[in-house]
Amino acid sequence: AFARIPADDCIIEVGLGGRLDATNIIPPPAVAG
């Protein structure tokens, strides 16, 4: 959905942990927190 629908920014919350969480497949983000 995020790839197909235009937006300026994207916020992704880690589900569980971080290192092996499914969201961690993304390339380096603008910022991590």
All heavy atoms as atom14 arrays in JSON, in Angstrom:
{
  "sequence": "AFARIPADDCIIEVGLGGRLDATNIIPPPAVAG",
  "atom14_mask": [
    [1, 1, 1, 1, 1, 0, 0, 0, 0, 0, 0, 0, 0, 0],
    [1, 1, 1, 1, 1, 1, 1, 1, 1, 1, 1, 0, 0, 0],
    [1, 1, 1, 1, 1, 0, 0, 0, 0, 0, 0, 0, 0, 0],
    [1, 1, 1, 1, 1, 1, 1, 1, 1, 1, 1, 0, 0, 0],
    [1, 1, 1, 1, 1, 1, 1, 1, 0, 0, 0, 0, 0, 0],
    [1, 1, 1, 1, 1, 1, 1, 0, 0, 0, 0, 0, 0, 0],
    [1, 1, 1, 1, 1, 0, 0, 0, 0, 0, 0, 0, 0, 0],
    [1, 1, 1, 1, 1, 1, 1, 1, 0, 0, 0, 0, 0, 0],
    [1, 1, 1, 1, 1, 1, 1, 1, 0, 0, 0, 0, 0, 0],
    [1, 1, 1, 1, 1, 1, 0, 0, 0, 0, 0, 0, 0, 0],
    [1, 1, 1, 1, 1, 1, 1, 1, 0, 0, 0, 0, 0, 0],
    [1, 1, 1, 1, 1, 1, 1, 1, 0, 0, 0, 0, 0, 0],
    [1, 1, 1, 1, 1, 1, 1, 1, 1, 0, 0, 0, 0, 0],
    [1, 1, 1, 1, 1, 1, 1, 0, 0, 0, 0, 0, 0, 0],
    [1, 1, 1, 1, 0, 0, 0, 0, 0, 0, 0, 0, 0, 0],
    [1, 1, 1, 1, 1, 1, 1, 1, 0, 0, 0, 0, 0, 0],
    [1, 1, 1, 1, 0, 0, 0, 0, 0, 0, 0, 0, 0, 0],
    [1, 1, 1, 1, 0, 0, 0, 0, 0, 0, 0, 0, 0, 0],
    [1, 1, 1, 1, 1, 1, 1, 1, 1, 1, 1, 0, 0, 0],
    [1, 1, 1, 1, 1, 1, 1, 1, 0, 0, 0, 0, 0, 0],
    [1, 1, 1, 1, 1, 1, 1, 1, 0, 0, 0, 0, 0, 0],
    [1, 1, 1, 1, 1, 0, 0, 0, 0, 0, 0, 0, 0, 0],
    [1, 1, 1, 1, 1, 1, 1, 0, 0, 0, 0, 0, 0, 0],
    [1, 1, 1, 1, 1, 1, 1, 1, 0, 0, 0, 0, 0, 0],
    [1, 1, 1, 1, 1, 1, 1, 1, 0, 0, 0, 0, 0, 0],
    [1, 1, 1, 1, 1, 1, 1, 1, 0, 0, 0, 0, 0, 0],
    [1, 1, 1, 1, 1, 1, 1, 0, 0, 0, 0, 0, 0, 0],
    [1, 1, 1, 1, 1, 1, 1, 0, 0, 0, 0, 0, 0, 0],
    [1, 1, 1, 1, 1, 1, 1, 0, 0, 0, 0, 0, 0, 0],
    [1, 1, 1, 1, 1, 0, 0, 0, 0, 0, 0, 0, 0, 0],
    [1, 1, 1, 1, 1, 1, 1, 0, 0, 0, 0, 0, 0, 0],
    [1, 1, 1, 1, 1, 0, 0, 0, 0, 0, 0, 0, 0, 0],
    [1, 1, 1, 1, 0, 0, 0, 0, 0, 0, 0, 0, 0, 0]
  ],
  "atom14_positions": [
    [[0.83, -1.2, 0.0], [0.0, 0.0, 0.0], [0.87, 1.26, 0.0], [0.6, 2.22, -0.74], [-0.92, -0.01, 1.21], [0.0, 0.0, 0.0], [0.0, 0.0, 0.0], [0.0, 0.0, 0.0], [0.0, 0.0, 0.0], [0.0, 0.0, 0.0], [0.0, 0.0, 0.0], [0.0, 0.0, 0.0], [0.0, 0.0, 0.0], [0.0, 0.0, 0.0]],
    [[1.92, 1.25, 0.82], [2.78, 2.44, 0.92], [3.52, 2.71, -0.38], [3.79, 3.86, -0.73], [3.78, 2.26, 2.06], [3.18, 2.16, 3.44], [3.93, 1.7, 4.51], [1.87, 2.54, 3.67], [3.38, 1.62, 5.77], [1.31, 2.45, 4.94], [2.08, 1.99, 5.99], [0.0, 0.0, 0.0], [0.0, 0.0, 0.0], [0.0, 0.0, 0.0]],
    [[3.89, 1.64, -1.09], [4.63, 1.81, -2.35], [3.73, 2.34, -3.47], [4.21, 3.01, -4.39], [5.26, 0.48, -2.76], [0.0, 0.0, 0.0], [0.0, 0.0, 0.0], [0.0, 0.0, 0.0], [0.0, 0.0, 0.0], [0.0, 0.0, 0.0], [0.0, 0.0, 0.0], [0.0, 0.0, 0.0], [0.0, 0.0, 0.0], [0.0, 0.0, 0.0]],
    [[2.44, 2.03, -3.4], [1.54, 2.37, -4.5], [0.81, 3.69, -4.32], [0.37, 4.3, -5.31], [0.51, 1.24, -4.67], [1.14, -0.05, -5.16], [0.14, -1.19, -5.12], [0.73, -2.42, -5.66], [0.13, -3.61, -5.63], [-1.1, -3.72, -5.11], [0.73, -4.66, -6.14], [0.0, 0.0, 0.0], [0.0, 0.0, 0.0], [0.0, 0.0, 0.0]],
    [[0.63, 4.12, -3.09], [-0.15, 5.33, -2.83], [0.8, 6.45, -2.44], [1.59, 6.31, -1.51], [-1.19, 5.07, -1.72], [-2.2, 4.02, -2.22], [-1.89, 6.35, -1.31], [-3.17, 3.56, -1.19], [0.0, 0.0, 0.0], [0.0, 0.0, 0.0], [0.0, 0.0, 0.0], [0.0, 0.0, 0.0], [0.0, 0.0, 0.0], [0.0, 0.0, 0.0]],
    [[0.77, 7.58, -3.12], [1.73, 8.66, -2.85], [1.58, 9.23, -1.44], [0.48, 9.38, -0.91], [1.37, 9.71, -3.91], [0.63, 8.96, -4.97], [-0.11, 7.88, -4.26], [0.0, 0.0, 0.0], [0.0, 0.0, 0.0], [0.0, 0.0, 0.0], [0.0, 0.0, 0.0], [0.0, 0.0, 0.0], [0.0, 0.0, 0.0], [0.0, 0.0, 0.0]],
    [[2.73, 9.55, -0.84], [2.79, 10.24, 0.45], [4.17, 10.86, 0.57], [5.09, 10.53, -0.17], [2.52, 9.28, 1.61], [0.0, 0.0, 0.0], [0.0, 0.0, 0.0], [0.0, 0.0, 0.0], [0.0, 0.0, 0.0], [0.0, 0.0, 0.0], [0.0, 0.0, 0.0], [0.0, 0.0, 0.0], [0.0, 0.0, 0.0], [0.0, 0.0, 0.0]],
    [[4.3, 11.76, 1.52], [5.59, 12.42, 1.75], [6.48, 11.65, 2.7], [7.7, 11.67, 2.58], [5.35, 13.82, 2.32], [4.51, 14.69, 1.41], [4.88, 14.82, 0.23], [3.48, 15.23, 1.88], [0.0, 0.0, 0.0], [0.0, 0.0, 0.0], [0.0, 0.0, 0.0], [0.0, 0.0, 0.0], [0.0, 0.0, 0.0], [0.0, 0.0, 0.0]],
    [[5.85, 10.98, 3.68], [6.6, 10.3, 4.73], [5.93, 8.99, 5.09], [4.74, 8.79, 4.83], [6.68, 11.18, 6.0], [7.37, 12.5, 5.75], [8.56, 12.48, 5.42], [6.71, 13.55, 5.9], [0.0, 0.0, 0.0], [0.0, 0.0, 0.0], [0.0, 0.0, 0.0], [0.0, 0.0, 0.0], [0.0, 0.0, 0.0], [0.0, 0.0, 0.0]],
    [[6.71, 8.13, 5.72], [6.24, 6.8, 6.12], [6.78, 6.5, 7.52], [7.99, 6.59, 7.75], [6.73, 5.77, 5.11], [6.22, 4.1, 5.44], [0.0, 0.0, 0.0], [0.0, 0.0, 0.0], [0.0, 0.0, 0.0], [0.0, 0.0, 0.0], [0.0, 0.0, 0.0], [0.0, 0.0, 0.0], [0.0, 0.0, 0.0], [0.0, 0.0, 0.0]],
    [[5.9, 6.14, 8.43], [6.28, 5.82, 9.81], [6.0, 4.34, 10.03], [4.89, 3.87, 9.82], [5.49, 6.66, 10.82], [5.76, 8.16, 10.6], [5.84, 6.26, 12.25], [4.79, 9.05, 11.35], [0.0, 0.0, 0.0], [0.0, 0.0, 0.0], [0.0, 0.0, 0.0], [0.0, 0.0, 0.0], [0.0, 0.0, 0.0], [0.0, 0.0, 0.0]],
    [[7.03, 3.61, 10.46], [6.9, 2.17, 10.65], [7.29, 1.81, 12.07], [8.41, 2.06, 12.5], [7.79, 1.41, 9.64], [7.34, 1.71, 8.21], [7.75, -0.09, 9.92], [8.22, 1.09, 7.16], [0.0, 0.0, 0.0], [0.0, 0.0, 0.0], [0.0, 0.0, 0.0], [0.0, 0.0, 0.0], [0.0, 0.0, 0.0], [0.0, 0.0, 0.0]],
    [[6.37, 1.2, 12.78], [6.62, 0.74, 14.15], [7.07, -0.72, 14.13], [6.43, -1.56, 13.49], [5.36, 0.86, 15.01], [5.54, 0.36, 16.43], [4.24, 0.28, 17.22], [3.18, 0.63, 16.66], [4.28, -0.16, 18.37], [0.0, 0.0, 0.0], [0.0, 0.0, 0.0], [0.0, 0.0, 0.0], [0.0, 0.0, 0.0], [0.0, 0.0, 0.0]],
    [[8.15, -1.01, 14.8], [8.62, -2.39, 14.94], [7.56, -3.19, 15.7], [6.95, -2.71, 16.65], [9.96, -2.41, 15.71], [10.33, -3.83, 16.11], [11.06, -1.8, 14.86], [0.0, 0.0, 0.0], [0.0, 0.0, 0.0], [0.0, 0.0, 0.0], [0.0, 0.0, 0.0], [0.0, 0.0, 0.0], [0.0, 0.0, 0.0], [0.0, 0.0, 0.0]],
    [[7.34, -4.43, 15.27], [6.37, -5.27, 15.95], [6.93, -5.93, 17.19], [6.4, -5.8, 18.29], [0.0, 0.0, 0.0], [0.0, 0.0, 0.0], [0.0, 0.0, 0.0], [0.0, 0.0, 0.0], [0.0, 0.0, 0.0], [0.0, 0.0, 0.0], [0.0, 0.0, 0.0], [0.0, 0.0, 0.0], [0.0, 0.0, 0.0], [0.0, 0.0, 0.0]],
    [[8.04, -6.66, 17.04], [8.61, -7.44, 18.14], [10.13, -7.44, 18.02], [10.68, -7.9, 17.02], [8.07, -8.87, 18.09], [8.53, -9.84, 19.19], [8.07, -9.34, 20.56], [7.95, -11.23, 18.94], [0.0, 0.0, 0.0], [0.0, 0.0, 0.0], [0.0, 0.0, 0.0], [0.0, 0.0, 0.0], [0.0, 0.0, 0.0], [0.0, 0.0, 0.0]],
    [[10.8, -6.89, 19.01], [12.25, -6.85, 18.99], [12.75, -5.77, 18.06], [12.54, -4.58, 18.29], [0.0, 0.0, 0.0], [0.0, 0.0, 0.0], [0.0, 0.0, 0.0], [0.0, 0.0, 0.0], [0.0, 0.0, 0.0], [0.0, 0.0, 0.0], [0.0, 0.0, 0.0], [0.0, 0.0, 0.0], [0.0, 0.0, 0.0], [0.0, 0.0, 0.0]],
    [[13.41, -6.17, 17.0], [13.95, -5.22, 16.04], [14.82, -5.92, 15.02], [14.54, -5.91, 13.82], [0.0, 0.0, 0.0], [0.0, 0.0, 0.0], [0.0, 0.0, 0.0], [0.0, 0.0, 0.0], [0.0, 0.0, 0.0], [0.0, 0.0, 0.0], [0.0, 0.0, 0.0], [0.0, 0.0, 0.0], [0.0, 0.0, 0.0], [0.0, 0.0, 0.0]],
    [[15.85, -6.57, 15.48], [16.83, -7.21, 14.6], [16.18, -8.16, 13.62], [16.47, -8.16, 12.42], [17.86, -7.94, 15.47], [18.97, -8.67, 14.71], [19.98, -9.24, 15.7], [19.38, -10.24, 16.57], [19.49, -11.55, 16.41], [20.17, -12.04, 15.38], [18.93, -12.39, 17.27], [0.0, 0.0, 0.0], [0.0, 0.0, 0.0], [0.0, 0.0, 0.0]],
    [[15.28, -9.02, 14.09], [14.65, -10.03, 13.25], [13.17, -9.77, 13.02], [12.44, -10.64, 12.55], [14.84, -11.42, 13.89], [16.3, -11.87, 14.06], [16.36, -13.21, 14.78], [17.0, -11.95, 12.71], [0.0, 0.0, 0.0], [0.0, 0.0, 0.0], [0.0, 0.0, 0.0], [0.0, 0.0, 0.0], [0.0, 0.0, 0.0], [0.0, 0.0, 0.0]],
    [[12.72, -8.57, 13.33], [11.32, -8.2, 13.11], [11.07, -8.02, 11.62], [11.94, -7.54, 10.88], [11.01, -6.91, 13.84], [9.56, -6.5, 13.71], [8.72, -7.12, 14.38], [9.27, -5.57, 12.93], [0.0, 0.0, 0.0], [0.0, 0.0, 0.0], [0.0, 0.0, 0.0], [0.0, 0.0, 0.0], [0.0, 0.0, 0.0], [0.0, 0.0, 0.0]],
    [[9.89, -8.38, 11.16], [9.58, -8.32, 9.73], [9.75, -6.92, 9.15], [10.12, -6.77, 7.98], [8.15, -8.81, 9.47], [0.0, 0.0, 0.0], [0.0, 0.0, 0.0], [0.0, 0.0, 0.0], [0.0, 0.0, 0.0], [0.0, 0.0, 0.0], [0.0, 0.0, 0.0], [0.0, 0.0, 0.0], [0.0, 0.0, 0.0], [0.0, 0.0, 0.0]],
    [[9.52, -5.88, 9.96], [9.68, -4.53, 9.43], [11.14, -4.2, 9.12], [11.42, -3.24, 8.38], [9.14, -3.48, 10.41], [9.94, -3.48, 11.61], [7.69, -3.73, 10.76], [0.0, 0.0, 0.0], [0.0, 0.0, 0.0], [0.0, 0.0, 0.0], [0.0, 0.0, 0.0], [0.0, 0.0, 0.0], [0.0, 0.0, 0.0], [0.0, 0.0, 0.0]],
    [[12.07, -4.97, 9.66], [13.49, -4.65, 9.49], [14.03, -5.05, 8.12], [15.22, -4.94, 7.85], [14.32, -5.31, 10.58], [15.59, -4.53, 10.88], [15.63, -3.31, 10.74], [16.63, -5.22, 11.3], [0.0, 0.0, 0.0], [0.0, 0.0, 0.0], [0.0, 0.0, 0.0], [0.0, 0.0, 0.0], [0.0, 0.0, 0.0], [0.0, 0.0, 0.0]],
    [[13.13, -5.48, 7.24], [13.52, -5.76, 5.86], [13.72, -4.46, 5.08], [14.29, -4.47, 3.98], [12.44, -6.64, 5.18], [12.95, -7.25, 3.88], [11.17, -5.85, 4.94], [14.01, -8.29, 4.06], [0.0, 0.0, 0.0], [0.0, 0.0, 0.0], [0.0, 0.0, 0.0], [0.0, 0.0, 0.0], [0.0, 0.0, 0.0], [0.0, 0.0, 0.0]],
    [[13.28, -3.34, 5.62], [13.41, -2.08, 4.9], [14.88, -1.68, 4.78], [15.7, -2.04, 5.62], [12.61, -0.94, 5.58], [13.17, -0.65, 6.98], [11.14, -1.26, 5.62], [12.56, 0.58, 7.63], [0.0, 0.0, 0.0], [0.0, 0.0, 0.0], [0.0, 0.0, 0.0], [0.0, 0.0, 0.0], [0.0, 0.0, 0.0], [0.0, 0.0, 0.0]],
    [[15.23, -0.91, 3.75], [16.59, -0.38, 3.64], [16.8, 0.69, 4.71], [15.86, 1.04, 5.44], [16.62, 0.21, 2.23], [15.2, 0.54, 1.93], [14.37, -0.5, 2.63], [0.0, 0.0, 0.0], [0.0, 0.0, 0.0], [0.0, 0.0, 0.0], [0.0, 0.0, 0.0], [0.0, 0.0, 0.0], [0.0, 0.0, 0.0], [0.0, 0.0, 0.0]],
    [[18.01, 1.24, 4.82], [18.25, 2.27, 5.84], [17.2, 3.38, 5.76], [17.01, 4.0, 4.71], [19.65, 2.78, 5.49], [20.33, 1.6, 4.89], [19.26, 0.91, 4.09], [0.0, 0.0, 0.0], [0.0, 0.0, 0.0], [0.0, 0.0, 0.0], [0.0, 0.0, 0.0], [0.0, 0.0, 0.0], [0.0, 0.0, 0.0], [0.0, 0.0, 0.0]],
    [[16.5, 3.64, 6.87], [15.49, 4.7, 6.87], [16.13, 6.07, 6.97], [17.35, 6.2, 7.18], [14.67, 4.39, 8.13], [15.68, 3.77, 9.06], [16.61, 2.97, 8.17], [0.0, 0.0, 0.0], [0.0, 0.0, 0.0], [0.0, 0.0, 0.0], [0.0, 0.0, 0.0], [0.0, 0.0, 0.0], [0.0, 0.0, 0.0], [0.0, 0.0, 0.0]],
    [[15.31, 7.1, 6.86], [15.82, 8.46, 7.07], [16.33, 8.61, 8.49], [17.37, 9.22, 8.73], [14.72, 9.48, 6.78], [0.0, 0.0, 0.0], [0.0, 0.0, 0.0], [0.0, 0.0, 0.0], [0.0, 0.0, 0.0], [0.0, 0.0, 0.0], [0.0, 0.0, 0.0], [0.0, 0.0, 0.0], [0.0, 0.0, 0.0], [0.0, 0.0, 0.0]],
    [[15.58, 8.06, 9.45], [15.92, 8.13, 10.87], [15.38, 6.89, 11.56], [14.3, 6.39, 11.22], [15.29, 9.37, 11.55], [15.74, 9.48, 13.01], [15.63, 10.64, 10.81], [0.0, 0.0, 0.0], [0.0, 0.0, 0.0], [0.0, 0.0, 0.0], [0.0, 0.0, 0.0], [0.0, 0.0, 0.0], [0.0, 0.0, 0.0], [0.0, 0.0, 0.0]],
    [[16.13, 6.4, 12.53], [15.64, 5.35, 13.43], [15.46, 5.94, 14.82], [16.17, 6.88, 15.2], [16.61, 4.17, 13.47], [0.0, 0.0, 0.0], [0.0, 0.0, 0.0], [0.0, 0.0, 0.0], [0.0, 0.0, 0.0], [0.0, 0.0, 0.0], [0.0, 0.0, 0.0], [0.0, 0.0, 0.0], [0.0, 0.0, 0.0], [0.0, 0.0, 0.0]],
    [[14.53, 5.41, 15.58], [14.31, 5.85, 16.96], [14.11, 4.64, 17.86], [13.5, 3.65, 17.46], [0.0, 0.0, 0.0], [0.0, 0.0, 0.0], [0.0, 0.0, 0.0], [0.0, 0.0, 0.0], [0.0, 0.0, 0.0], [0.0, 0.0, 0.0], [0.0, 0.0, 0.0], [0.0, 0.0, 0.0], [0.0, 0.0, 0.0], [0.0, 0.0, 0.0]]
  ]
}
